Amino acid sequence: MTKWMREWSIDAIGPQNLKITEHPVPDIGDRDMLVRTTAVSLNYRDKLMLETGMALDLDFPFVPASDMSGVVENVGKGVTRFSPGDRVISTFHPGWLDGLRPGSGREPSYATLGGVHPGVMSEYVAFPEDWFVAAPKSLDAAEASTLPCAGLTAWFALLEKGHLRPGDRVVVQGTGGVALFGLQIAKAMGAEVIVTSGSQEKLARALALGADHGINRKSEDWVERVYELTADHGADHILEIAGGAGLGQSLRAVAADGRISVIGVLEGFEISGPAAPLLLKSPVLQGISVGHRRALEDFVGAVDRIGLKPVIDKRYTFADFREALAHLDRGPFGKVVIEF
């Protein structure tokens, strides 16, 4: 007897085209796994994909979202890493297992879930076993679903690429998913964390979460305040979430030989800033597009060891996907998650 599942999809670009459809549960190949979805975590990118397609050649009907947790229901005969009943989470970049990312200088790879590859807003997914890692034992399904993109992005920026050290001064812009993961990871490593936000209420919540300092970017010059707080040293690491011309502010605030991780595009895909601080302070300017599977496995292990608990602003049901997307527009404190 055929088993059926529900999924959210669009047949043309535009969130107004979102609808729930029903399909037979997919078959699996020898190296594939059938995974029952238990939670999906949303990212700002998911909203951009629905609204613009992000210039990708999408297959329609297109299923959105990239970050999921689930339980293995069935495995192909060639699967060796997992068994039915195992709890797993997805990887954002399927096929990027370790080391250098796939692609070339001319054509860098952006083959991700919820983009070139199918998304995960489905009750079941059938993907190769290499597209999954074991879920943290210490997190529930909703919490685990937040790690593949937002959590790994912060981990990759600060540790895999950033080599964060105890005592480093870290500036985190905003209080969204990546930002709060950055705050929690940096504090666990013994760093001093400065959070910027336009909301005094969110700054208070960030301080309660462990931030050492909060700066209201609407009422004060955050760059000057960083210098005051660090005795003119500046920030050793900046998680640059805004993008656009905001990069210029980060170049002003970064310490000599510091590091700026360009992550967000909230102010646009074109970034700009002055040459003088770039030349005089020689900071590392690195773009972060999540990370590879080995780093996600490292992060999962760290989450279990240090007891990191992702911050979830609100949990929605499968039927409330549209409302969950609208929550992204309101600027969540942490993550927005859909539970199945």
C-alpha atoms as a PDB file:
ATOM      1  CA  MET A   1       0.000   0.000   0.000  1.00  0.00           C
ATOM      2  CA  THR A   2       1.399   3.409  -1.016  1.00  0.00           C
ATOM      3  CA  LYS A   3       2.375   5.731   1.817  1.00  0.00           C
ATOM      4  CA  TRP A   4       1.742   9.437   1.259  1.00  0.00           C
ATOM      5  CA  MET A   5       3.389  12.583   2.592  1.00  0.00           C
ATOM      6  CA  ARG A   6       2.777  16.338   2.591  1.00  0.00           C
ATOM      7  CA  GLU A   7       5.215  19.050   1.539  1.00  0.00           C
ATOM      8  CA  TRP A   8       5.276  22.800   0.943  1.00  0.00           C
ATOM      9  CA  SER A   9       6.297  23.904  -2.552  1.00  0.00           C
ATOM     10  CA  ILE A  10       6.005  26.629  -5.184  1.00  0.00           C
ATOM     11  CA  ASP A  11       5.520  26.200  -8.922  1.00  0.00           C
ATOM     12  CA  ALA A  12       6.787  29.719  -9.714  1.00  0.00           C
ATOM     13  CA  ILE A  13       8.918  32.321  -7.904  1.00  0.00           C
ATOM     14  CA  GLY A  14       7.022  34.171  -5.195  1.00  0.00           C
ATOM     15  CA  PRO A  15       5.897  33.254  -1.657  1.00  0.00           C
ATOM     16  CA  GLN A  16       2.297  33.852  -2.747  1.00  0.00           C
ATOM     17  CA  ASN A  17       2.642  30.605  -4.708  1.00  0.00           C
ATOM     18  CA  LEU A  18       3.310  28.474  -1.626  1.00  0.00           C
ATOM     19  CA  LYS A  19       0.975  25.535  -1.223  1.00  0.00           C
ATOM     20  CA  ILE A  20       0.784  22.157   0.485  1.00  0.00           C
ATOM     21  CA  THR A  21       0.767  19.183  -1.850  1.00  0.00           C
ATOM     22  CA  GLU A  22       0.633  15.430  -1.274  1.00  0.00           C
ATOM     23  CA  HIS A  23       2.921  12.879  -2.895  1.00  0.00           C
ATOM     24  CA  PRO A  24       3.911   9.252  -2.395  1.00  0.00           C
ATOM     25  CA  VAL A  25       6.818   8.831   0.005  1.00  0.00           C
ATOM     26  CA  PRO A  26       9.906   8.601  -2.259  1.00  0.00           C
ATOM     27  CA  ASP A  27      11.802   5.401  -2.958  1.00  0.00           C
ATOM     28  CA  ILE A  28      15.478   5.163  -2.008  1.00  0.00           C
ATOM     29  CA  GLY A  29      18.563   3.951  -3.826  1.00  0.00           C
ATOM     30  CA  ASP A  30      21.365   1.758  -2.502  1.00  0.00           C
ATOM     31  CA  ARG A  31      23.232   4.670  -0.836  1.00  0.00           C
ATOM     32  CA  ASP A  32      20.154   6.674   0.152  1.00  0.00           C
ATOM     33  CA  MET A  33      18.206   7.020   3.375  1.00  0.00           C
ATOM     34  CA  LEU A  34      14.527   7.747   3.940  1.00  0.00           C
ATOM     35  CA  VAL A  35      14.313  10.244   6.797  1.00  0.00           C
ATOM     36  CA  ARG A  36      11.137  11.338   8.571  1.00  0.00           C
ATOM     37  CA  THR A  37      11.376  15.065   9.194  1.00  0.00           C
ATOM     38  CA  THR A  38      10.860  16.121  12.810  1.00  0.00           C
ATOM     39  CA  ALA A  39      11.774  19.840  12.603  1.00  0.00           C
ATOM     40  CA  VAL A  40      12.902  22.476  10.093  1.00  0.00           C
ATOM     41  CA  SER A  41      14.779  25.652  11.035  1.00  0.00           C
ATOM     42  CA  LEU A  42      14.340  28.712   8.829  1.00  0.00           C
ATOM     43  CA  ASN A  43      17.032  31.075   7.591  1.00  0.00           C
ATOM     44  CA  TYR A  44      16.753  34.487   5.931  1.00  0.00           C
ATOM     45  CA  ARG A  45      18.098  32.821   2.800  1.00  0.00           C
ATOM     46  CA  ASP A  46      14.952  30.659   2.606  1.00  0.00           C
ATOM     47  CA  LYS A  47      12.888  33.825   2.320  1.00  0.00           C
ATOM     48  CA  LEU A  48      15.190  35.184  -0.411  1.00  0.00           C
ATOM     49  CA  MET A  49      14.909  31.921  -2.342  1.00  0.00           C
ATOM     50  CA  LEU A  50      11.111  32.132  -2.361  1.00  0.00           C
ATOM     51  CA  GLU A  51      11.069  35.827  -3.261  1.00  0.00           C
ATOM     52  CA  THR A  52      13.807  35.964  -5.902  1.00  0.00           C
ATOM     53  CA  GLY A  53      15.247  32.506  -6.613  1.00  0.00           C
ATOM     54  CA  MET A  54      18.665  34.093  -5.962  1.00  0.00           C
ATOM     55  CA  ALA A  55      19.532  33.762  -9.679  1.00  0.00           C
ATOM     56  CA  LEU A  56      19.634  29.958  -9.411  1.00  0.00           C
ATOM     57  CA  ASP A  57      18.241  27.564 -12.004  1.00  0.00           C
ATOM     58  CA  LEU A  58      15.523  26.021  -9.851  1.00  0.00           C
ATOM     59  CA  ASP A  59      13.537  22.911 -10.600  1.00  0.00           C
ATOM     60  CA  PHE A  60       9.783  23.328 -10.131  1.00  0.00           C
ATOM     61  CA  PRO A  61       7.878  22.441  -8.112  1.00  0.00           C
ATOM     62  CA  PHE A  62      10.485  23.820  -5.719  1.00  0.00           C
ATOM     63  CA  VAL A  63      10.553  22.738  -2.070  1.00  0.00           C
ATOM     64  CA  PRO A  64      12.134  25.399   0.198  1.00  0.00           C
ATOM     65  CA  ALA A  65      14.339  25.305   3.323  1.00  0.00           C
ATOM     66  CA  SER A  66      17.691  23.652   3.973  1.00  0.00           C
ATOM     67  CA  ASP A  67      17.974  22.832   7.681  1.00  0.00           C
ATOM     68  CA  MET A  68      16.228  19.836   9.184  1.00  0.00           C
ATOM     69  CA  SER A  69      16.384  17.220  11.865  1.00  0.00           C
ATOM     70  CA  GLY A  70      14.785  13.833  11.499  1.00  0.00           C
ATOM     71  CA  VAL A  71      14.725  10.127  12.221  1.00  0.00           C
ATOM     72  CA  VAL A  72      16.011   7.499   9.799  1.00  0.00           C
ATOM     73  CA  GLU A  73      13.105   5.323   8.634  1.00  0.00           C
ATOM     74  CA  ASN A  74      14.829   3.122   6.082  1.00  0.00           C
ATOM     75  CA  VAL A  75      18.273   2.762   4.488  1.00  0.00           C
ATOM     76  CA  GLY A  76      19.583   1.438   1.187  1.00  0.00           C
ATOM     77  CA  LYS A  77      21.640  -1.729   1.164  1.00  0.00           C
ATOM     78  CA  GLY A  78      24.869   0.235   0.634  1.00  0.00           C
ATOM     79  CA  VAL A  79      24.397   2.583   3.624  1.00  0.00           C
ATOM     80  CA  THR A  80      27.040   2.124   6.329  1.00  0.00           C
ATOM     81  CA  ARG A  81      26.946   5.264   8.517  1.00  0.00           C
ATOM     82  CA  PHE A  82      23.383   5.097   9.859  1.00  0.00           C
ATOM     83  CA  SER A  83      20.611   2.662  10.794  1.00  0.00           C
ATOM     84  CA  PRO A  84      16.825   2.976  11.115  1.00  0.00           C
ATOM     85  CA  GLY A  85      15.935   4.858  14.265  1.00  0.00           C
ATOM     86  CA  ASP A  86      19.035   7.085  14.261  1.00  0.00           C
ATOM     87  CA  ARG A  87      18.490  10.828  14.771  1.00  0.00           C
ATOM     88  CA  VAL A  88      20.156  12.927  12.081  1.00  0.00           C
ATOM     89  CA  ILE A  89      20.473  16.497  10.797  1.00  0.00           C
ATOM     90  CA  SER A  90      21.017  17.677   7.232  1.00  0.00           C
ATOM     91  CA  THR A  91      24.156  19.225   5.769  1.00  0.00           C
ATOM     92  CA  PHE A  92      23.764  22.559   3.982  1.00  0.00           C
ATOM     93  CA  HIS A  93      26.338  21.848   1.220  1.00  0.00           C
ATOM     94  CA  PRO A  94      25.818  18.218   0.083  1.00  0.00           C
ATOM     95  CA  GLY A  95      29.080  16.764  -1.146  1.00  0.00           C
ATOM     96  CA  TRP A  96      31.359  19.226   0.663  1.00  0.00           C
ATOM     97  CA  LEU A  97      32.802  16.767   3.148  1.00  0.00           C
ATOM     98  CA  ASP A  98      36.035  18.515   4.204  1.00  0.00           C
ATOM     99  CA  GLY A  99      38.848  20.741   2.952  1.00  0.00           C
ATOM    100  CA  LEU A 100      38.414  23.053  -0.014  1.00  0.00           C
ATOM    101  CA  ARG A 101      34.879  23.606  -1.221  1.00  0.00           C
ATOM    102  CA  PRO A 102      33.863  22.252  -4.629  1.00  0.00           C
ATOM    103  CA  GLY A 103      33.872  24.499  -7.682  1.00  0.00           C
ATOM    104  CA  SER A 104      36.423  26.863  -9.191  1.00  0.00           C
ATOM    105  CA  GLY A 105      37.395  30.508  -9.081  1.00  0.00           C
ATOM    106  CA  ARG A 106      35.308  31.128 -12.177  1.00  0.00           C
ATOM    107  CA  GLU A 107      32.333  29.091 -10.971  1.00  0.00           C
ATOM    108  CA  PRO A 108      32.289  28.655  -7.180  1.00  0.00           C
ATOM    109  CA  SER A 109      29.850  25.990  -6.070  1.00  0.00           C
ATOM    110  CA  TYR A 110      26.554  26.951  -4.463  1.00  0.00           C
ATOM    111  CA  ALA A 111      24.840  23.570  -4.708  1.00  0.00           C
ATOM    112  CA  THR A 112      22.887  23.555  -1.443  1.00  0.00           C
ATOM    113  CA  LEU A 113      19.723  22.079  -0.047  1.00  0.00           C
ATOM    114  CA  GLY A 114      16.749  24.323  -0.653  1.00  0.00           C
ATOM    115  CA  GLY A 115      18.456  25.708  -3.769  1.00  0.00           C
ATOM    116  CA  VAL A 116      20.064  23.632  -6.508  1.00  0.00           C
ATOM    117  CA  HIS A 117      19.121  20.544  -4.490  1.00  0.00           C
ATOM    118  CA  PRO A 118      15.609  19.908  -3.137  1.00  0.00           C
ATOM    119  CA  GLY A 119      14.573  21.540   0.127  1.00  0.00           C
ATOM    120  CA  VAL A 120      13.328  19.893   3.287  1.00  0.00           C
ATOM    121  CA  MET A 121       9.837  21.303   3.947  1.00  0.00           C
ATOM    122  CA  SER A 122       8.537  17.766   3.458  1.00  0.00           C
ATOM    123  CA  GLU A 123       7.355  15.152   5.906  1.00  0.00           C
ATOM    124  CA  TYR A 124       9.939  12.753   4.410  1.00  0.00           C
ATOM    125  CA  VAL A 125      13.145  13.229   2.446  1.00  0.00           C
ATOM    126  CA  ALA A 126      15.191  10.660   0.544  1.00  0.00           C
ATOM    127  CA  PHE A 127      18.828  11.763   0.269  1.00  0.00           C
ATOM    128  CA  PRO A 128      22.248  10.060   0.107  1.00  0.00           C
ATOM    129  CA  GLU A 129      23.647   9.121   3.516  1.00  0.00           C
ATOM    130  CA  ASP A 130      26.567  11.535   2.990  1.00  0.00           C
ATOM    131  CA  TRP A 131      24.096  14.424   3.190  1.00  0.00           C
ATOM    132  CA  PHE A 132      23.487  13.807   6.908  1.00  0.00           C
ATOM    133  CA  VAL A 133      25.355  13.834  10.200  1.00  0.00           C
ATOM    134  CA  ALA A 134      24.320  12.409  13.564  1.00  0.00           C
ATOM    135  CA  ALA A 135      22.213  14.797  15.636  1.00  0.00           C
ATOM    136  CA  PRO A 136      23.477  16.012  19.021  1.00  0.00           C
ATOM    137  CA  LYS A 137      22.337  13.763  21.849  1.00  0.00           C
ATOM    138  CA  SER A 138      21.725  16.734  24.151  1.00  0.00           C
ATOM    139  CA  LEU A 139      19.267  18.643  21.931  1.00  0.00           C
ATOM    140  CA  ASP A 140      15.635  18.078  21.036  1.00  0.00           C
ATOM    141  CA  ALA A 141      14.547  17.909  17.396  1.00  0.00           C
ATOM    142  CA  ALA A 142      13.805  21.641  17.051  1.00  0.00           C
ATOM    143  CA  GLU A 143      17.099  22.671  18.640  1.00  0.00           C
ATOM    144  CA  ALA A 144      19.080  20.206  16.514  1.00  0.00           C
ATOM    145  CA  SER A 145      17.540  21.578  13.301  1.00  0.00           C
ATOM    146  CA  THR A 146      19.175  24.974  13.922  1.00  0.00           C
ATOM    147  CA  LEU A 147      22.752  23.701  13.597  1.00  0.00           C
ATOM    148  CA  PRO A 148      23.308  22.981   9.855  1.00  0.00           C
ATOM    149  CA  CYS A 149      23.341  26.591   8.620  1.00  0.00           C
ATOM    150  CA  ALA A 150      23.202  29.233  11.374  1.00  0.00           C
ATOM    151  CA  GLY A 151      25.141  27.273  13.959  1.00  0.00           C
ATOM    152  CA  LEU A 152      27.784  25.981  11.583  1.00  0.00           C
ATOM    153  CA  THR A 153      28.243  29.425  10.016  1.00  0.00           C
ATOM    154  CA  ALA A 154      29.207  30.921  13.381  1.00  0.00           C
ATOM    155  CA  TRP A 155      31.413  27.920  14.242  1.00  0.00           C
ATOM    156  CA  PHE A 156      33.166  28.026  10.859  1.00  0.00           C
ATOM    157  CA  ALA A 157      33.800  31.779  11.107  1.00  0.00           C
ATOM    158  CA  LEU A 158      35.115  31.813  14.664  1.00  0.00           C
ATOM    159  CA  LEU A 159      36.886  28.464  15.018  1.00  0.00           C
ATOM    160  CA  GLU A 160      37.400  26.570  11.762  1.00  0.00           C
ATOM    161  CA  LYS A 161      38.592  29.701   9.940  1.00  0.00           C
ATOM    162  CA  GLY A 162      38.954  32.240  12.745  1.00  0.00           C
ATOM    163  CA  HIS A 163      41.126  30.330  15.263  1.00  0.00           C
ATOM    164  CA  LEU A 164      39.409  32.132  18.151  1.00  0.00           C
ATOM    165  CA  ARG A 165      41.443  32.340  21.368  1.00  0.00           C
ATOM    166  CA  PRO A 166      40.471  33.010  24.981  1.00  0.00           C
ATOM    167  CA  GLY A 167      40.475  36.738  25.663  1.00  0.00           C
ATOM    168  CA  ASP A 168      39.773  37.771  22.065  1.00  0.00           C
ATOM    169  CA  ARG A 169      37.295  40.619  21.648  1.00  0.00           C
ATOM    170  CA  VAL A 170      34.381  39.553  19.417  1.00  0.00           C
ATOM    171  CA  VAL A 171      31.738  41.881  17.962  1.00  0.00           C
ATOM    172  CA  VAL A 172      28.480  40.216  17.006  1.00  0.00           C
ATOM    173  CA  GLN A 173      26.058  42.248  14.897  1.00  0.00           C
ATOM    174  CA  GLY A 174      22.416  41.738  15.764  1.00  0.00           C
ATOM    175  CA  THR A 175      20.531  39.034  17.611  1.00  0.00           C
ATOM    176  CA  GLY A 176      19.468  36.654  14.859  1.00  0.00           C
ATOM    177  CA  GLY A 177      20.378  32.996  14.583  1.00  0.00           C
ATOM    178  CA  VAL A 178      24.013  33.286  13.455  1.00  0.00           C
ATOM    179  CA  ALA A 179      24.649  36.176  15.847  1.00  0.00           C
ATOM    180  CA  LEU A 180      23.434  34.351  18.952  1.00  0.00           C
ATOM    181  CA  PHE A 181      25.323  31.201  18.011  1.00  0.00           C
ATOM    182  CA  GLY A 182      28.394  33.410  17.642  1.00  0.00           C
ATOM    183  CA  LEU A 183      27.781  34.866  21.098  1.00  0.00           C
ATOM    184  CA  GLN A 184      27.403  31.437  22.701  1.00  0.00           C
ATOM    185  CA  ILE A 185      30.393  29.873  20.915  1.00  0.00           C
ATOM    186  CA  ALA A 186      32.668  32.839  21.650  1.00  0.00           C
ATOM    187  CA  LYS A 187      31.738  32.860  25.335  1.00  0.00           C
ATOM    188  CA  ALA A 188      32.331  29.114  25.584  1.00  0.00           C
ATOM    189  CA  MET A 189      35.843  29.732  24.219  1.00  0.00           C
ATOM    190  CA  GLY A 190      36.582  32.441  26.802  1.00  0.00           C
ATOM    191  CA  ALA A 191      36.211  35.466  24.526  1.00  0.00           C
ATOM    192  CA  GLU A 192      34.853  38.900  25.449  1.00  0.00           C
ATOM    193  CA  VAL A 193      31.672  39.468  23.441  1.00  0.00           C
ATOM    194  CA  ILE A 194      30.145  42.769  22.354  1.00  0.00           C
ATOM    195  CA  VAL A 195      26.669  42.661  20.791  1.00  0.00           C
ATOM    196  CA  THR A 196      25.218  45.464  18.666  1.00  0.00           C
ATOM    197  CA  SER A 197      21.486  45.870  18.085  1.00  0.00           C
ATOM    198  CA  GLY A 198      18.878  48.516  17.403  1.00  0.00           C
ATOM    199  CA  SER A 199      16.642  47.122  20.150  1.00  0.00           C
ATOM    200  CA  GLN A 200      17.286  47.793  23.818  1.00  0.00           C
ATOM    201  CA  GLU A 201      15.038  44.883  24.751  1.00  0.00           C
ATOM    202  CA  LYS A 202      17.053  42.477  22.599  1.00  0.00           C
ATOM    203  CA  LEU A 203      20.312  43.820  24.011  1.00  0.00           C
ATOM    204  CA  ALA A 204      19.041  43.040  27.501  1.00  0.00           C
ATOM    205  CA  ARG A 205      18.251  39.494  26.420  1.00  0.00           C
ATOM    206  CA  ALA A 206      21.709  39.144  24.836  1.00  0.00           C
ATOM    207  CA  LEU A 207      23.345  40.284  28.064  1.00  0.00           C
ATOM    208  CA  ALA A 208      21.270  37.729  29.968  1.00  0.00           C
ATOM    209  CA  LEU A 209      22.538  35.095  27.528  1.00  0.00           C
ATOM    210  CA  GLY A 210      26.133  35.942  28.439  1.00  0.00           C
ATOM    211  CA  ALA A 211      27.238  38.914  26.336  1.00  0.00           C
ATOM    212  CA  ASP A 212      29.746  41.141  28.130  1.00  0.00           C
ATOM    213  CA  HIS A 213      28.591  44.388  26.526  1.00  0.00           C
ATOM    214  CA  GLY A 214      25.644  45.645  24.497  1.00  0.00           C
ATOM    215  CA  ILE A 215      25.687  48.622  22.126  1.00  0.00           C
ATOM    216  CA  ASN A 216      22.539  50.253  20.774  1.00  0.00           C
ATOM    217  CA  ARG A 217      23.572  51.111  17.227  1.00  0.00           C
ATOM    218  CA  LYS A 218      20.631  53.519  16.874  1.00  0.00           C
ATOM    219  CA  SER A 219      21.545  55.719  19.818  1.00  0.00           C
ATOM    220  CA  GLU A 220      25.349  55.639  19.744  1.00  0.00           C
ATOM    221  CA  ASP A 221      28.290  55.239  17.387  1.00  0.00           C
ATOM    222  CA  TRP A 222      28.989  51.541  17.801  1.00  0.00           C
ATOM    223  CA  VAL A 223      32.521  51.805  16.409  1.00  0.00           C
ATOM    224  CA  GLU A 224      33.513  54.461  18.946  1.00  0.00           C
ATOM    225  CA  ARG A 225      31.887  52.450  21.724  1.00  0.00           C
ATOM    226  CA  VAL A 226      33.932  49.390  20.712  1.00  0.00           C
ATOM    227  CA  TYR A 227      37.102  51.465  21.035  1.00  0.00           C
ATOM    228  CA  GLU A 228      35.998  52.674  24.472  1.00  0.00           C
ATOM    229  CA  LEU A 229      35.278  49.139  25.657  1.00  0.00           C
ATOM    230  CA  THR A 230      38.585  47.757  24.344  1.00  0.00           C
ATOM    231  CA  ALA A 231      40.885  50.656  25.293  1.00  0.00           C
ATOM    232  CA  ASP A 232      41.347  51.477  21.572  1.00  0.00           C
ATOM    233  CA  HIS A 233      42.398  47.916  20.722  1.00  0.00           C
ATOM    234  CA  GLY A 234      39.368  47.266  18.507  1.00  0.00           C
ATOM    235  CA  ALA A 235      37.657  43.974  17.760  1.00  0.00           C
ATOM    236  CA  ASP A 236      39.732  40.865  17.074  1.00  0.00           C
ATOM    237  CA  HIS A 237      36.751  39.249  15.347  1.00  0.00           C
ATOM    238  CA  ILE A 238      33.643  40.817  13.812  1.00  0.00           C
ATOM    239  CA  LEU A 239      30.695  38.794  12.563  1.00  0.00           C
ATOM    240  CA  GLU A 240      29.564  41.149   9.782  1.00  0.00           C
ATOM    241  CA  ILE A 241      25.877  40.364   9.366  1.00  0.00           C
ATOM    242  CA  ALA A 242      24.603  43.554   7.731  1.00  0.00           C
ATOM    243  CA  GLY A 243      26.741  43.671   4.586  1.00  0.00           C
ATOM    244  CA  GLY A 244      26.422  46.546   2.141  1.00  0.00           C
ATOM    245  CA  ALA A 245      28.126  49.781   3.201  1.00  0.00           C
ATOM    246  CA  GLY A 246      28.152  48.470   6.781  1.00  0.00           C
ATOM    247  CA  LEU A 247      31.434  46.771   5.973  1.00  0.00           C
ATOM    248  CA  GLY A 248      33.061  50.185   6.196  1.00  0.00           C
ATOM    249  CA  GLN A 249      32.066  50.439   9.854  1.00  0.00           C
ATOM    250  CA  SER A 250      33.535  47.018  10.542  1.00  0.00           C
ATOM    251  CA  LEU A 251      36.799  48.041   8.887  1.00  0.00           C
ATOM    252  CA  ARG A 252      36.926  51.012  11.230  1.00  0.00           C
ATOM    253  CA  ALA A 253      36.195  48.864  14.303  1.00  0.00           C
ATOM    254  CA  VAL A 254      38.474  45.894  13.626  1.00  0.00           C
ATOM    255  CA  ALA A 255      41.768  45.558  15.489  1.00  0.00           C
ATOM    256  CA  ALA A 256      45.122  45.490  13.732  1.00  0.00           C
ATOM    257  CA  ASP A 257      45.540  41.999  12.263  1.00  0.00           C
ATOM    258  CA  GLY A 258      41.954  41.248  13.283  1.00  0.00           C
ATOM    259  CA  ARG A 259      39.357  39.339  11.301  1.00  0.00           C
ATOM    260  CA  ILE A 260      36.028  40.248   9.706  1.00  0.00           C
ATOM    261  CA  SER A 261      33.712  37.419   8.671  1.00  0.00           C
ATOM    262  CA  VAL A 262      31.271  38.634   6.015  1.00  0.00           C
ATOM    263  CA  ILE A 263      28.140  36.568   6.495  1.00  0.00           C
ATOM    264  CA  GLY A 264      24.957  38.563   5.937  1.00  0.00           C
ATOM    265  CA  VAL A 265      23.485  40.494   3.043  1.00  0.00           C
ATOM    266  CA  LEU A 266      20.711  42.340   4.875  1.00  0.00           C
ATOM    267  CA  GLU A 267      21.829  45.647   3.320  1.00  0.00           C
ATOM    268  CA  GLY A 268      22.472  44.242  -0.135  1.00  0.00           C
ATOM    269  CA  PHE A 269      24.793  42.008  -2.118  1.00  0.00           C
ATOM    270  CA  GLU A 270      27.251  44.806  -2.928  1.00  0.00           C
ATOM    271  CA  ILE A 271      29.696  45.549  -0.101  1.00  0.00           C
ATOM    272  CA  SER A 272      31.909  48.627   0.237  1.00  0.00           C
ATOM    273  CA  GLY A 273      34.316  50.296   2.621  1.00  0.00           C
ATOM    274  CA  PRO A 274      37.375  52.549   2.856  1.00  0.00           C
ATOM    275  CA  ALA A 275      40.786  51.311   1.738  1.00  0.00           C
ATOM    276  CA  ALA A 276      42.824  53.059   4.453  1.00  0.00           C
ATOM    277  CA  PRO A 277      41.915  50.840   7.448  1.00  0.00           C
ATOM    278  CA  LEU A 278      42.146  47.782   5.229  1.00  0.00           C
ATOM    279  CA  LEU A 279      45.702  48.693   4.233  1.00  0.00           C
ATOM    280  CA  LEU A 280      46.889  50.052   7.571  1.00  0.00           C
ATOM    281  CA  LYS A 281      45.440  47.353   9.856  1.00  0.00           C
ATOM    282  CA  SER A 282      45.820  44.339   7.527  1.00  0.00           C
ATOM    283  CA  PRO A 283      42.745  42.516   8.771  1.00  0.00           C
ATOM    284  CA  VAL A 284      41.660  39.190   7.325  1.00  0.00           C
ATOM    285  CA  LEU A 285      38.447  39.731   5.380  1.00  0.00           C
ATOM    286  CA  GLN A 286      36.752  36.377   4.869  1.00  0.00           C
ATOM    287  CA  GLY A 287      33.460  35.409   3.313  1.00  0.00           C
ATOM    288  CA  ILE A 288      31.630  32.620   5.110  1.00  0.00           C
ATOM    289  CA  SER A 289      29.146  30.443   3.250  1.00  0.00           C
ATOM    290  CA  VAL A 290      28.326  27.983   6.056  1.00  0.00           C
ATOM    291  CA  GLY A 291      30.876  25.113   6.071  1.00  0.00           C
ATOM    292  CA  HIS A 292      31.674  21.472   5.339  1.00  0.00           C
ATOM    293  CA  ARG A 293      30.397  18.246   6.882  1.00  0.00           C
ATOM    294  CA  ARG A 294      33.461  17.534   9.003  1.00  0.00           C
ATOM    295  CA  ALA A 295      33.157  20.929  10.680  1.00  0.00           C
ATOM    296  CA  LEU A 296      29.467  20.252  11.362  1.00  0.00           C
ATOM    297  CA  GLU A 297      30.429  16.955  13.004  1.00  0.00           C
ATOM    298  CA  ASP A 298      33.001  18.827  15.120  1.00  0.00           C
ATOM    299  CA  PHE A 299      30.351  21.370  16.089  1.00  0.00           C
ATOM    300  CA  VAL A 300      27.838  18.677  17.039  1.00  0.00           C
ATOM    301  CA  GLY A 301      30.444  17.122  19.320  1.00  0.00           C
ATOM    302  CA  ALA A 302      31.171  20.486  20.920  1.00  0.00           C
ATOM    303  CA  VAL A 303      27.465  21.164  21.473  1.00  0.00           C
ATOM    304  CA  ASP A 304      27.167  17.947  23.467  1.00  0.00           C
ATOM    305  CA  ARG A 305      30.362  18.579  25.443  1.00  0.00           C
ATOM    306  CA  ILE A 306      29.732  22.197  26.451  1.00  0.00           C
ATOM    307  CA  GLY A 307      25.953  22.011  26.774  1.00  0.00           C
ATOM    308  CA  LEU A 308      25.203  24.726  24.218  1.00  0.00           C
ATOM    309  CA  LYS A 309      21.457  25.318  23.839  1.00  0.00           C
ATOM    310  CA  PRO A 310      20.313  27.081  20.651  1.00  0.00           C
ATOM    311  CA  VAL A 311      17.981  30.037  21.159  1.00  0.00           C
ATOM    312  CA  ILE A 312      14.578  29.491  19.529  1.00  0.00           C
ATOM    313  CA  ASP A 313      12.331  32.548  19.374  1.00  0.00           C
ATOM    314  CA  LYS A 314       9.230  30.604  18.389  1.00  0.00           C
ATOM    315  CA  ARG A 315       8.151  27.132  17.297  1.00  0.00           C
ATOM    316  CA  TYR A 316       5.473  26.778  14.623  1.00  0.00           C
ATOM    317  CA  THR A 317       3.495  23.851  13.238  1.00  0.00           C
ATOM    318  CA  PHE A 318       3.811  22.495   9.696  1.00  0.00           C
ATOM    319  CA  ALA A 319       0.566  24.201   8.671  1.00  0.00           C
ATOM    320  CA  ASP A 320       1.857  27.589   9.874  1.00  0.00           C
ATOM    321  CA  PHE A 321       4.817  27.818   7.464  1.00  0.00           C
ATOM    322  CA  ARG A 322       3.647  31.160   6.051  1.00  0.00           C
ATOM    323  CA  GLU A 323       3.401  32.653   9.541  1.00  0.00           C
ATOM    324  CA  ALA A 324       6.886  31.369  10.339  1.00  0.00           C
ATOM    325  CA  LEU A 325       8.274  33.110   7.234  1.00  0.00           C
ATOM    326  CA  ALA A 326       6.557  36.337   8.282  1.00  0.00           C
ATOM    327  CA  HIS A 327       8.300  36.043  11.655  1.00  0.00           C
ATOM    328  CA  LEU A 328      11.647  36.310   9.846  1.00  0.00           C
ATOM    329  CA  ASP A 329      10.616  39.764   8.615  1.00  0.00           C
ATOM    330  CA  ARG A 330      10.007  40.896  12.197  1.00  0.00           C
ATOM    331  CA  GLY A 331      13.595  40.108  13.200  1.00  0.00           C
ATOM    332  CA  PRO A 332      13.546  37.107  15.540  1.00  0.00           C
ATOM    333  CA  PHE A 333      15.734  36.789  18.617  1.00  0.00           C
ATOM    334  CA  GLY A 334      17.487  33.580  17.589  1.00  0.00           C
ATOM    335  CA  LYS A 335      15.824  30.999  15.407  1.00  0.00           C
ATOM    336  CA  VAL A 336      12.365  30.285  13.998  1.00  0.00           C
ATOM    337  CA  VAL A 337      11.571  26.570  13.843  1.00  0.00           C
ATOM    338  CA  ILE A 338       8.759  24.467  12.394  1.00  0.00           C
ATOM    339  CA  GLU A 339       7.958  21.250  14.243  1.00  0.00           C
ATOM    340  CA  PHE A 340       6.378  18.316  12.383  1.00  0.00           C
END
